[in-house]
Every structure is written in structure tokens, then in C-alpha cells.
Amino acid sequence: MANENAGALCQVLHLRAGSTRVPKVLTLLYRFQGFRRKHGWLGTIQKICGNPRRGTGYYKPVQQAIPVCEPASQLRPGDWVEVKSYAEICQTLDQDQRHRGMLFMPEMADYCGKKLQVYKNVERILLEDTREVRRLRNTVLLSGSTCSGLSVGCDRSCFHFWRDVWLRRIDTPESES
């Protein structure tokens, strides 16, 4: 019974709503870079162009998507932030507990008022089910902020995705614990 509502409480399952589509051209470029690192130039050309005898390859017609221009995140790895109070965060959320599609999980409320360090900016993600590359804006990962999975029965320990509006930049705290 608890697992029936599990999908509603996991950020990873709802990343499509909190991200924008990357143009197919860039998706192919990211794949090209990965192939080149793994297989070298010759292997990459064969992988992309395919084998003419077998008719394989990755080339497909590309549809251009119009990119959405938004300011980049002002937070950088190593910056210290304080998670805003739950009341302040609730003011940024819609009726589905989301900010621009990104779900604020109830478990994330435990971090309200805590001082954490920015681990990484998140600009692109790969959806595991569709292998689609998606773009995230103004989103960071915080050191020590991982999902316990207790509410959904999951052992993945994924990072929580934090929007910049949920965080307040601070100077280095006096007591780093």
C-alpha cells in the first residue's frame, strides 16, 4: 500500500517535468564525445556513420528545438548555502509542491535551516528510461543532502535536486561540522 504512492514522492521519477528538452543536435554531440573518449576517432566514425554493409548508424533527421534563455545559477561548487525555512520555500511552490516542475519532497524539509556546501551545479541529466538528455536550470546538488528512501522503500540514496530559490548564499560558517 505504501508503494502505490511511491512515485509521487521521488524527485528522480519526476525530473522530466522539472527540466527542458535538449535539442537533438546537442544530444548527438554529447554521445559523439562519449564515443570518442571510449572508442577513439575511427571507432566513433564507424559508430555514427554505421557500417554500409549492415545499414547501421546513428544518423537521423534532426528537429531543432527553441532553447529557453534563463539566467545561469549564481551558486558555484564550494559555496556555502543555508536552506530557507519551510514557509519561505512553500511560497515558491505551486499546488503540486513543485517549483517550475521540480518536486520539493517532504523529506527535504528536514534540511530547512541547515548550512550545506554546494557539491555541483546540475545543467544536464540523462533520463534512464528513455535515454533522453534534459536540461536543468538553477539547480544544484548539496553535499550531504541525499534521499534516505524511507518513504518509498528505495535504497538508491539519490541526491536531492535543489532550486536556487530554495537556498540562501552565506559566508563560510564558523563551525563546519
N, C-alpha and C. Protein backbone atom coordinates (compact mmCIF):
# COMPACT_ATOMS: atom_id res chain seq x y z
N MET A 1 0.82 -1.19 0.00
CA MET A 1 0.00 0.00 0.00
C MET A 1 0.87 1.25 0.00
N ALA A 2 1.99 1.20 0.71
CA ALA A 2 2.86 2.37 0.78
C ALA A 2 3.54 2.62 -0.56
N ASN A 3 3.80 1.56 -1.32
CA ASN A 3 4.49 1.73 -2.59
C ASN A 3 3.59 2.22 -3.72
N GLU A 4 2.27 2.22 -3.53
CA GLU A 4 1.38 2.73 -4.56
C GLU A 4 1.57 4.22 -4.77
N ASN A 5 1.86 4.97 -3.72
CA ASN A 5 2.08 6.40 -3.81
C ASN A 5 3.56 6.75 -3.90
N ALA A 6 4.41 5.74 -4.07
CA ALA A 6 5.85 5.98 -4.06
C ALA A 6 6.28 6.89 -5.19
N GLY A 7 5.66 6.78 -6.36
CA GLY A 7 6.07 7.61 -7.49
C GLY A 7 5.87 9.10 -7.25
N ALA A 8 4.90 9.46 -6.42
CA ALA A 8 4.63 10.87 -6.17
C ALA A 8 5.67 11.50 -5.26
N LEU A 9 6.49 10.70 -4.57
CA LEU A 9 7.41 11.25 -3.59
C LEU A 9 8.87 11.19 -4.02
N CYS A 10 9.16 10.80 -5.23
CA CYS A 10 10.55 10.65 -5.68
C CYS A 10 10.87 11.68 -6.76
N GLN A 11 11.88 12.52 -6.50
CA GLN A 11 12.27 13.54 -7.47
C GLN A 11 12.76 12.91 -8.78
N VAL A 12 13.51 11.82 -8.69
CA VAL A 12 14.10 11.21 -9.88
C VAL A 12 13.02 10.79 -10.86
N LEU A 13 11.88 10.34 -10.36
CA LEU A 13 10.81 9.91 -11.25
C LEU A 13 10.09 11.07 -11.91
N HIS A 14 10.30 12.29 -11.40
CA HIS A 14 9.60 13.46 -11.93
C HIS A 14 10.56 14.49 -12.54
N LEU A 15 11.76 14.08 -12.92
CA LEU A 15 12.73 15.03 -13.46
C LEU A 15 12.31 15.57 -14.83
N ARG A 16 11.52 14.83 -15.56
CA ARG A 16 11.07 15.30 -16.88
C ARG A 16 10.29 16.61 -16.74
N ALA A 17 9.47 16.72 -15.70
CA ALA A 17 8.66 17.93 -15.52
C ALA A 17 9.50 19.12 -15.07
N GLY A 18 10.62 18.87 -14.42
CA GLY A 18 11.45 19.96 -13.93
C GLY A 18 12.61 20.31 -14.83
N SER A 19 12.58 19.84 -16.06
CA SER A 19 13.69 20.07 -16.99
C SER A 19 13.14 20.44 -18.36
N THR A 20 14.03 20.89 -19.22
CA THR A 20 13.64 21.20 -20.60
C THR A 20 14.41 20.30 -21.55
N ARG A 21 13.83 20.08 -22.68
CA ARG A 21 14.42 19.18 -23.67
C ARG A 21 15.66 19.80 -24.30
N VAL A 22 16.70 19.02 -24.45
CA VAL A 22 17.91 19.44 -25.13
C VAL A 22 17.73 19.15 -26.62
N PRO A 23 18.10 20.09 -27.49
CA PRO A 23 17.98 19.81 -28.92
C PRO A 23 18.71 18.53 -29.31
N LYS A 24 18.15 17.80 -30.23
CA LYS A 24 18.71 16.52 -30.64
C LYS A 24 20.15 16.65 -31.12
N VAL A 25 20.47 17.80 -31.72
CA VAL A 25 21.84 18.02 -32.20
C VAL A 25 22.81 17.94 -31.03
N LEU A 26 22.47 18.58 -29.91
CA LEU A 26 23.36 18.54 -28.75
C LEU A 26 23.41 17.15 -28.13
N THR A 27 22.28 16.44 -28.12
CA THR A 27 22.28 15.08 -27.62
C THR A 27 23.25 14.22 -28.43
N LEU A 28 23.21 14.37 -29.74
CA LEU A 28 24.14 13.61 -30.59
C LEU A 28 25.58 14.03 -30.35
N LEU A 29 25.81 15.32 -30.10
CA LEU A 29 27.16 15.79 -29.81
C LEU A 29 27.67 15.20 -28.51
N TYR A 30 26.84 15.13 -27.48
CA TYR A 30 27.26 14.52 -26.21
C TYR A 30 27.60 13.04 -26.41
N ARG A 31 26.78 12.34 -27.20
CA ARG A 31 27.07 10.94 -27.49
C ARG A 31 28.38 10.80 -28.26
N PHE A 32 28.58 11.69 -29.23
CA PHE A 32 29.81 11.68 -30.03
C PHE A 32 31.02 11.83 -29.11
N GLN A 33 30.97 12.77 -28.16
CA GLN A 33 32.09 12.98 -27.25
C GLN A 33 32.36 11.73 -26.41
N GLY A 34 31.31 11.08 -25.96
CA GLY A 34 31.47 9.85 -25.19
C GLY A 34 32.05 8.72 -26.03
N PHE A 35 31.56 8.57 -27.26
CA PHE A 35 32.10 7.54 -28.16
C PHE A 35 33.58 7.79 -28.43
N ARG A 36 33.94 9.08 -28.67
CA ARG A 36 35.33 9.41 -29.00
C ARG A 36 36.25 9.07 -27.83
N ARG A 37 35.81 9.35 -26.60
CA ARG A 37 36.63 9.01 -25.44
C ARG A 37 36.80 7.51 -25.29
N LYS A 38 35.76 6.76 -25.61
CA LYS A 38 35.79 5.32 -25.38
C LYS A 38 36.41 4.55 -26.54
N HIS A 39 36.10 4.94 -27.79
CA HIS A 39 36.50 4.14 -28.94
C HIS A 39 37.53 4.81 -29.84
N GLY A 40 37.87 6.07 -29.60
CA GLY A 40 38.80 6.78 -30.48
C GLY A 40 38.06 7.32 -31.70
N TRP A 41 38.82 8.02 -32.56
CA TRP A 41 38.19 8.67 -33.72
C TRP A 41 37.63 7.67 -34.71
N LEU A 42 38.40 6.65 -35.08
CA LEU A 42 37.95 5.70 -36.09
C LEU A 42 36.72 4.93 -35.62
N GLY A 43 36.75 4.46 -34.37
CA GLY A 43 35.60 3.74 -33.84
C GLY A 43 34.37 4.62 -33.75
N THR A 44 34.57 5.89 -33.47
CA THR A 44 33.45 6.83 -33.38
C THR A 44 32.82 7.05 -34.74
N ILE A 45 33.64 7.24 -35.75
CA ILE A 45 33.11 7.44 -37.11
C ILE A 45 32.33 6.22 -37.55
N GLN A 46 32.83 5.02 -37.26
CA GLN A 46 32.09 3.81 -37.61
C GLN A 46 30.79 3.71 -36.82
N LYS A 47 30.82 4.13 -35.57
CA LYS A 47 29.62 4.06 -34.73
C LYS A 47 28.55 5.03 -35.23
N ILE A 48 28.97 6.24 -35.62
CA ILE A 48 28.00 7.25 -36.04
C ILE A 48 27.54 7.03 -37.47
N CYS A 49 28.48 6.81 -38.37
CA CYS A 49 28.12 6.63 -39.78
C CYS A 49 27.58 5.24 -40.05
N GLY A 50 27.97 4.31 -39.22
CA GLY A 50 27.49 2.95 -39.37
C GLY A 50 28.31 2.17 -40.37
N ASN A 51 27.96 0.93 -40.49
CA ASN A 51 28.60 0.05 -41.45
C ASN A 51 27.70 -0.01 -42.67
N PRO A 52 28.18 0.46 -43.83
CA PRO A 52 27.31 0.48 -45.01
C PRO A 52 26.77 -0.90 -45.39
N ARG A 53 27.51 -1.95 -45.06
CA ARG A 53 27.04 -3.31 -45.39
C ARG A 53 25.85 -3.71 -44.53
N ARG A 54 25.85 -3.22 -43.28
CA ARG A 54 24.77 -3.60 -42.37
C ARG A 54 23.68 -2.54 -42.27
N GLY A 55 23.96 -1.34 -42.77
CA GLY A 55 22.96 -0.27 -42.72
C GLY A 55 22.72 0.25 -41.32
N THR A 56 23.75 0.22 -40.49
CA THR A 56 23.59 0.71 -39.12
C THR A 56 24.20 2.09 -39.00
N GLY A 57 23.80 2.81 -37.97
CA GLY A 57 24.35 4.13 -37.71
C GLY A 57 23.37 4.95 -36.90
N TYR A 58 23.84 6.07 -36.42
CA TYR A 58 23.02 6.93 -35.58
C TYR A 58 22.42 8.11 -36.32
N TYR A 59 22.77 8.32 -37.56
CA TYR A 59 22.29 9.50 -38.24
C TYR A 59 20.78 9.41 -38.45
N LYS A 60 20.09 10.43 -37.99
CA LYS A 60 18.64 10.53 -38.18
C LYS A 60 18.33 12.00 -38.40
N PRO A 61 17.24 12.33 -39.10
CA PRO A 61 16.89 13.73 -39.26
C PRO A 61 16.72 14.41 -37.90
N VAL A 62 17.16 15.66 -37.81
CA VAL A 62 17.17 16.38 -36.54
C VAL A 62 16.12 17.48 -36.56
N GLN A 63 15.31 17.55 -35.50
CA GLN A 63 14.38 18.65 -35.32
C GLN A 63 14.99 19.64 -34.37
N GLN A 64 14.99 20.92 -34.75
CA GLN A 64 15.55 21.96 -33.90
C GLN A 64 14.52 22.38 -32.86
N ALA A 65 14.93 22.41 -31.61
CA ALA A 65 14.08 22.92 -30.54
C ALA A 65 14.55 24.33 -30.19
N ILE A 66 13.63 25.17 -29.82
CA ILE A 66 13.98 26.54 -29.46
C ILE A 66 14.42 26.54 -28.01
N PRO A 67 15.69 26.90 -27.73
CA PRO A 67 16.14 26.89 -26.34
C PRO A 67 15.51 28.02 -25.53
N VAL A 68 15.26 27.72 -24.27
CA VAL A 68 14.71 28.71 -23.35
C VAL A 68 15.88 29.42 -22.69
N CYS A 69 15.92 30.74 -22.78
CA CYS A 69 17.02 31.51 -22.19
C CYS A 69 16.65 31.90 -20.77
N GLU A 70 17.39 31.38 -19.83
CA GLU A 70 17.22 31.70 -18.42
C GLU A 70 18.58 32.01 -17.85
N PRO A 71 18.64 32.81 -16.80
CA PRO A 71 19.94 33.08 -16.20
C PRO A 71 20.54 31.81 -15.60
N ALA A 72 21.85 31.70 -15.69
CA ALA A 72 22.54 30.55 -15.12
C ALA A 72 22.56 30.67 -13.60
N SER A 73 22.77 29.55 -12.95
CA SER A 73 22.82 29.54 -11.49
C SER A 73 23.94 30.43 -10.99
N GLN A 74 23.66 31.18 -9.94
CA GLN A 74 24.67 32.05 -9.32
C GLN A 74 25.51 31.28 -8.31
N LEU A 75 25.11 30.07 -7.95
CA LEU A 75 25.84 29.28 -6.98
C LEU A 75 26.90 28.46 -7.69
N ARG A 76 28.04 28.29 -7.04
CA ARG A 76 29.16 27.54 -7.60
C ARG A 76 29.56 26.43 -6.63
N PRO A 77 30.18 25.36 -7.12
CA PRO A 77 30.66 24.32 -6.21
C PRO A 77 31.60 24.91 -5.17
N GLY A 78 31.40 24.52 -3.93
CA GLY A 78 32.20 25.04 -2.82
C GLY A 78 31.52 26.17 -2.07
N ASP A 79 30.51 26.82 -2.66
CA ASP A 79 29.78 27.88 -1.96
C ASP A 79 28.98 27.26 -0.81
N TRP A 80 28.85 28.04 0.27
CA TRP A 80 28.02 27.62 1.39
C TRP A 80 26.65 28.25 1.26
N VAL A 81 25.63 27.46 1.54
CA VAL A 81 24.25 27.96 1.46
C VAL A 81 23.50 27.52 2.70
N GLU A 82 22.45 28.26 2.98
CA GLU A 82 21.52 27.87 4.04
C GLU A 82 20.19 27.57 3.35
N VAL A 83 19.62 26.43 3.66
CA VAL A 83 18.33 26.08 3.10
C VAL A 83 17.29 26.98 3.78
N LYS A 84 16.47 27.64 2.99
CA LYS A 84 15.46 28.55 3.54
C LYS A 84 14.46 27.79 4.40
N SER A 85 13.70 28.52 5.18
CA SER A 85 12.70 27.89 6.04
C SER A 85 11.60 27.26 5.17
N TYR A 86 10.90 26.32 5.76
CA TYR A 86 9.84 25.63 5.02
C TYR A 86 8.78 26.61 4.54
N ALA A 87 8.46 27.61 5.36
CA ALA A 87 7.44 28.60 4.97
C ALA A 87 7.90 29.40 3.75
N GLU A 88 9.18 29.78 3.72
CA GLU A 88 9.71 30.52 2.57
C GLU A 88 9.70 29.66 1.31
N ILE A 89 10.05 28.40 1.46
CA ILE A 89 10.06 27.50 0.30
C ILE A 89 8.65 27.27 -0.22
N CYS A 90 7.69 27.13 0.69
CA CYS A 90 6.29 26.90 0.28
C CYS A 90 5.75 28.05 -0.56
N GLN A 91 6.26 29.26 -0.36
CA GLN A 91 5.82 30.41 -1.16
C GLN A 91 6.24 30.28 -2.62
N THR A 92 7.27 29.48 -2.89
CA THR A 92 7.74 29.31 -4.28
C THR A 92 7.10 28.12 -4.97
N LEU A 93 6.31 27.33 -4.25
CA LEU A 93 5.74 26.09 -4.79
C LEU A 93 4.32 26.28 -5.27
N ASP A 94 3.93 25.49 -6.26
CA ASP A 94 2.54 25.51 -6.72
C ASP A 94 1.74 24.50 -5.89
N GLN A 95 0.51 24.23 -6.29
CA GLN A 95 -0.35 23.34 -5.52
C GLN A 95 0.13 21.89 -5.53
N ASP A 96 1.00 21.53 -6.48
CA ASP A 96 1.55 20.17 -6.55
C ASP A 96 2.90 20.05 -5.86
N GLN A 97 3.28 21.06 -5.04
CA GLN A 97 4.55 21.08 -4.33
C GLN A 97 5.74 21.08 -5.29
N ARG A 98 5.62 21.87 -6.37
CA ARG A 98 6.67 21.96 -7.38
C ARG A 98 7.04 23.41 -7.65
N HIS A 99 8.29 23.61 -8.02
CA HIS A 99 8.75 24.92 -8.49
C HIS A 99 9.24 24.71 -9.91
N ARG A 100 8.54 25.30 -10.89
CA ARG A 100 8.85 25.12 -12.30
C ARG A 100 9.03 23.64 -12.64
N GLY A 101 8.16 22.80 -12.10
CA GLY A 101 8.17 21.37 -12.40
C GLY A 101 9.01 20.53 -11.46
N MET A 102 9.94 21.14 -10.70
CA MET A 102 10.82 20.37 -9.80
C MET A 102 10.09 20.12 -8.48
N LEU A 103 9.96 18.86 -8.12
CA LEU A 103 9.24 18.45 -6.92
C LEU A 103 10.05 18.76 -5.67
N PHE A 104 9.41 19.36 -4.68
CA PHE A 104 10.00 19.53 -3.35
C PHE A 104 9.44 18.41 -2.50
N MET A 105 10.29 17.42 -2.19
CA MET A 105 9.85 16.25 -1.44
C MET A 105 9.68 16.59 0.04
N PRO A 106 8.72 15.96 0.72
CA PRO A 106 8.55 16.20 2.15
C PRO A 106 9.82 15.91 2.95
N GLU A 107 10.59 14.94 2.51
CA GLU A 107 11.84 14.58 3.18
C GLU A 107 12.87 15.73 3.14
N MET A 108 12.77 16.60 2.14
CA MET A 108 13.71 17.71 2.01
C MET A 108 13.48 18.78 3.08
N ALA A 109 12.31 18.78 3.70
CA ALA A 109 12.01 19.75 4.75
C ALA A 109 12.93 19.56 5.96
N ASP A 110 13.49 18.36 6.13
CA ASP A 110 14.42 18.11 7.23
C ASP A 110 15.68 18.98 7.13
N TYR A 111 15.99 19.44 5.93
CA TYR A 111 17.20 20.24 5.71
C TYR A 111 16.95 21.74 5.89
N CYS A 112 15.72 22.15 6.08
CA CYS A 112 15.41 23.58 6.23
C CYS A 112 16.18 24.16 7.41
N GLY A 113 16.83 25.30 7.17
CA GLY A 113 17.62 25.97 8.20
C GLY A 113 19.04 25.46 8.33
N LYS A 114 19.39 24.38 7.64
CA LYS A 114 20.74 23.82 7.75
C LYS A 114 21.68 24.50 6.77
N LYS A 115 22.95 24.52 7.12
CA LYS A 115 24.01 25.09 6.28
C LYS A 115 24.74 23.95 5.60
N LEU A 116 24.74 23.97 4.28
CA LEU A 116 25.37 22.92 3.48
C LEU A 116 26.23 23.55 2.39
N GLN A 117 27.12 22.75 1.84
CA GLN A 117 28.01 23.22 0.80
C GLN A 117 27.52 22.72 -0.56
N VAL A 118 27.61 23.60 -1.57
CA VAL A 118 27.21 23.21 -2.92
C VAL A 118 28.23 22.20 -3.44
N TYR A 119 27.74 21.04 -3.82
CA TYR A 119 28.60 19.99 -4.37
C TYR A 119 28.81 20.17 -5.86
N LYS A 120 27.70 20.47 -6.57
CA LYS A 120 27.79 20.51 -8.03
C LYS A 120 26.58 21.23 -8.60
N ASN A 121 26.79 21.98 -9.70
CA ASN A 121 25.68 22.53 -10.47
C ASN A 121 25.18 21.44 -11.41
N VAL A 122 23.88 21.38 -11.59
CA VAL A 122 23.30 20.39 -12.49
C VAL A 122 22.78 21.13 -13.72
N GLU A 123 23.37 20.86 -14.86
CA GLU A 123 22.97 21.50 -16.11
C GLU A 123 22.28 20.54 -17.05
N ARG A 124 22.72 19.28 -17.02
CA ARG A 124 22.12 18.26 -17.89
C ARG A 124 21.94 16.97 -17.11
N ILE A 125 20.88 16.25 -17.46
CA ILE A 125 20.63 14.94 -16.88
C ILE A 125 20.27 13.99 -18.01
N LEU A 126 20.43 12.72 -17.76
CA LEU A 126 20.03 11.69 -18.70
C LEU A 126 18.92 10.89 -18.04
N LEU A 127 17.74 10.89 -18.66
CA LEU A 127 16.63 10.09 -18.12
C LEU A 127 16.92 8.63 -18.43
N GLU A 128 16.93 7.82 -17.40
CA GLU A 128 17.33 6.43 -17.56
C GLU A 128 16.38 5.62 -18.42
N ASP A 129 15.09 5.91 -18.33
CA ASP A 129 14.12 5.09 -19.05
C ASP A 129 14.12 5.36 -20.56
N THR A 130 14.29 6.61 -20.97
CA THR A 130 14.22 6.94 -22.40
C THR A 130 15.57 7.30 -23.01
N ARG A 131 16.63 7.40 -22.19
CA ARG A 131 17.97 7.81 -22.61
C ARG A 131 17.94 9.19 -23.25
N GLU A 132 17.01 10.01 -22.81
CA GLU A 132 16.84 11.37 -23.31
C GLU A 132 17.64 12.33 -22.44
N VAL A 133 18.39 13.25 -23.08
CA VAL A 133 19.14 14.26 -22.35
C VAL A 133 18.21 15.44 -22.11
N ARG A 134 18.16 15.89 -20.86
CA ARG A 134 17.31 17.01 -20.49
C ARG A 134 18.16 18.09 -19.83
N ARG A 135 17.71 19.33 -19.92
CA ARG A 135 18.43 20.48 -19.37
C ARG A 135 17.74 20.97 -18.10
N LEU A 136 18.54 21.23 -17.08
CA LEU A 136 18.04 21.81 -15.84
C LEU A 136 18.67 23.18 -15.66
N ARG A 137 17.91 24.11 -15.15
CA ARG A 137 18.41 25.47 -14.88
C ARG A 137 18.28 25.76 -13.39
N ASN A 138 19.25 26.52 -12.88
CA ASN A 138 19.20 26.98 -11.50
C ASN A 138 18.97 25.84 -10.51
N THR A 139 19.71 24.76 -10.71
CA THR A 139 19.58 23.58 -9.87
C THR A 139 20.96 23.12 -9.42
N VAL A 140 21.08 22.78 -8.15
CA VAL A 140 22.36 22.33 -7.61
C VAL A 140 22.15 21.08 -6.76
N LEU A 141 23.26 20.39 -6.51
CA LEU A 141 23.31 19.30 -5.56
C LEU A 141 24.08 19.79 -4.35
N LEU A 142 23.64 19.42 -3.15
CA LEU A 142 24.30 19.84 -1.92
C LEU A 142 24.96 18.63 -1.26
N SER A 143 26.19 18.85 -0.77
CA SER A 143 26.91 17.78 -0.07
C SER A 143 26.12 17.35 1.16
N GLY A 144 25.95 16.05 1.32
CA GLY A 144 25.25 15.53 2.49
C GLY A 144 23.75 15.54 2.38
N SER A 145 23.21 15.95 1.26
CA SER A 145 21.76 16.02 1.08
C SER A 145 21.32 14.91 0.13
N THR A 146 21.09 13.73 0.70
CA THR A 146 20.67 12.60 -0.12
C THR A 146 19.34 12.06 0.38
N CYS A 147 18.64 11.41 -0.49
CA CYS A 147 17.35 10.82 -0.17
C CYS A 147 17.57 9.53 0.61
N SER A 148 16.89 9.40 1.73
CA SER A 148 17.02 8.18 2.52
C SER A 148 16.16 7.06 1.92
N GLY A 149 15.14 7.43 1.18
CA GLY A 149 14.27 6.45 0.54
C GLY A 149 13.31 5.76 1.49
N LEU A 150 13.25 6.21 2.72
CA LEU A 150 12.39 5.55 3.70
C LEU A 150 10.91 5.64 3.33
N SER A 151 10.50 6.76 2.74
CA SER A 151 9.09 6.93 2.43
C SER A 151 8.65 6.12 1.22
N VAL A 152 9.60 5.71 0.38
CA VAL A 152 9.24 4.99 -0.85
C VAL A 152 9.82 3.59 -0.91
N GLY A 153 10.61 3.21 0.09
CA GLY A 153 11.20 1.87 0.09
C GLY A 153 12.27 1.71 -0.97
N CYS A 154 13.16 2.70 -1.10
CA CYS A 154 14.19 2.70 -2.15
C CYS A 154 15.56 2.79 -1.49
N ASP A 155 16.54 2.09 -2.04
CA ASP A 155 17.90 2.10 -1.49
C ASP A 155 18.89 2.83 -2.37
N ARG A 156 18.46 3.66 -3.30
CA ARG A 156 19.38 4.29 -4.25
C ARG A 156 20.21 5.42 -3.64
N SER A 157 19.74 6.10 -2.62
CA SER A 157 20.43 7.23 -1.99
C SER A 157 20.77 8.32 -3.01
N CYS A 158 19.78 8.74 -3.77
CA CYS A 158 19.97 9.79 -4.78
C CYS A 158 20.17 11.13 -4.09
N PHE A 159 20.91 12.02 -4.76
CA PHE A 159 21.00 13.39 -4.28
C PHE A 159 19.64 14.06 -4.44
N HIS A 160 19.33 14.99 -3.53
CA HIS A 160 18.16 15.85 -3.71
C HIS A 160 18.56 16.95 -4.69
N PHE A 161 17.68 17.31 -5.60
CA PHE A 161 17.90 18.41 -6.52
C PHE A 161 17.32 19.67 -5.87
N TRP A 162 18.14 20.72 -5.76
CA TRP A 162 17.74 21.95 -5.08
C TRP A 162 17.70 23.10 -6.07
N ARG A 163 16.58 23.80 -6.13
CA ARG A 163 16.49 25.03 -6.92
C ARG A 163 17.17 26.16 -6.15
N ASP A 164 17.74 27.12 -6.88
CA ASP A 164 18.41 28.26 -6.24
C ASP A 164 17.47 29.06 -5.34
N VAL A 165 16.20 29.13 -5.70
CA VAL A 165 15.26 29.94 -4.90
C VAL A 165 14.99 29.33 -3.53
N TRP A 166 15.35 28.07 -3.33
CA TRP A 166 15.16 27.43 -2.04
C TRP A 166 16.37 27.63 -1.12
N LEU A 167 17.42 28.27 -1.64
CA LEU A 167 18.68 28.39 -0.91
C LEU A 167 19.07 29.84 -0.73
N ARG A 168 19.85 30.12 0.30
CA ARG A 168 20.38 31.45 0.57
C ARG A 168 21.89 31.32 0.73
N ARG A 169 22.65 32.06 -0.10
CA ARG A 169 24.11 32.01 -0.01
C ARG A 169 24.56 32.67 1.29
N ILE A 170 25.53 32.02 1.96
CA ILE A 170 26.08 32.56 3.21
C ILE A 170 27.60 32.52 3.13
N ASP A 171 28.24 33.23 4.06
CA ASP A 171 29.68 33.12 4.20
C ASP A 171 29.99 31.76 4.83
N THR A 172 31.25 31.39 4.80
CA THR A 172 31.65 30.12 5.39
C THR A 172 31.24 30.09 6.87
N PRO A 173 30.51 29.06 7.29
CA PRO A 173 30.08 29.02 8.68
C PRO A 173 31.28 28.88 9.63
N GLU A 174 31.14 29.44 10.83
CA GLU A 174 32.24 29.40 11.80
C GLU A 174 32.57 27.97 12.20
N SER A 175 31.53 27.19 12.46
CA SER A 175 31.77 25.79 12.86
C SER A 175 31.29 24.87 11.75
N GLU A 176 32.23 24.35 10.98
CA GLU A 176 31.89 23.41 9.91
C GLU A 176 31.85 22.02 10.52
N SER A 177 30.64 21.46 10.56
CA SER A 177 30.50 20.15 11.16
C SER A 177 30.32 19.09 10.11
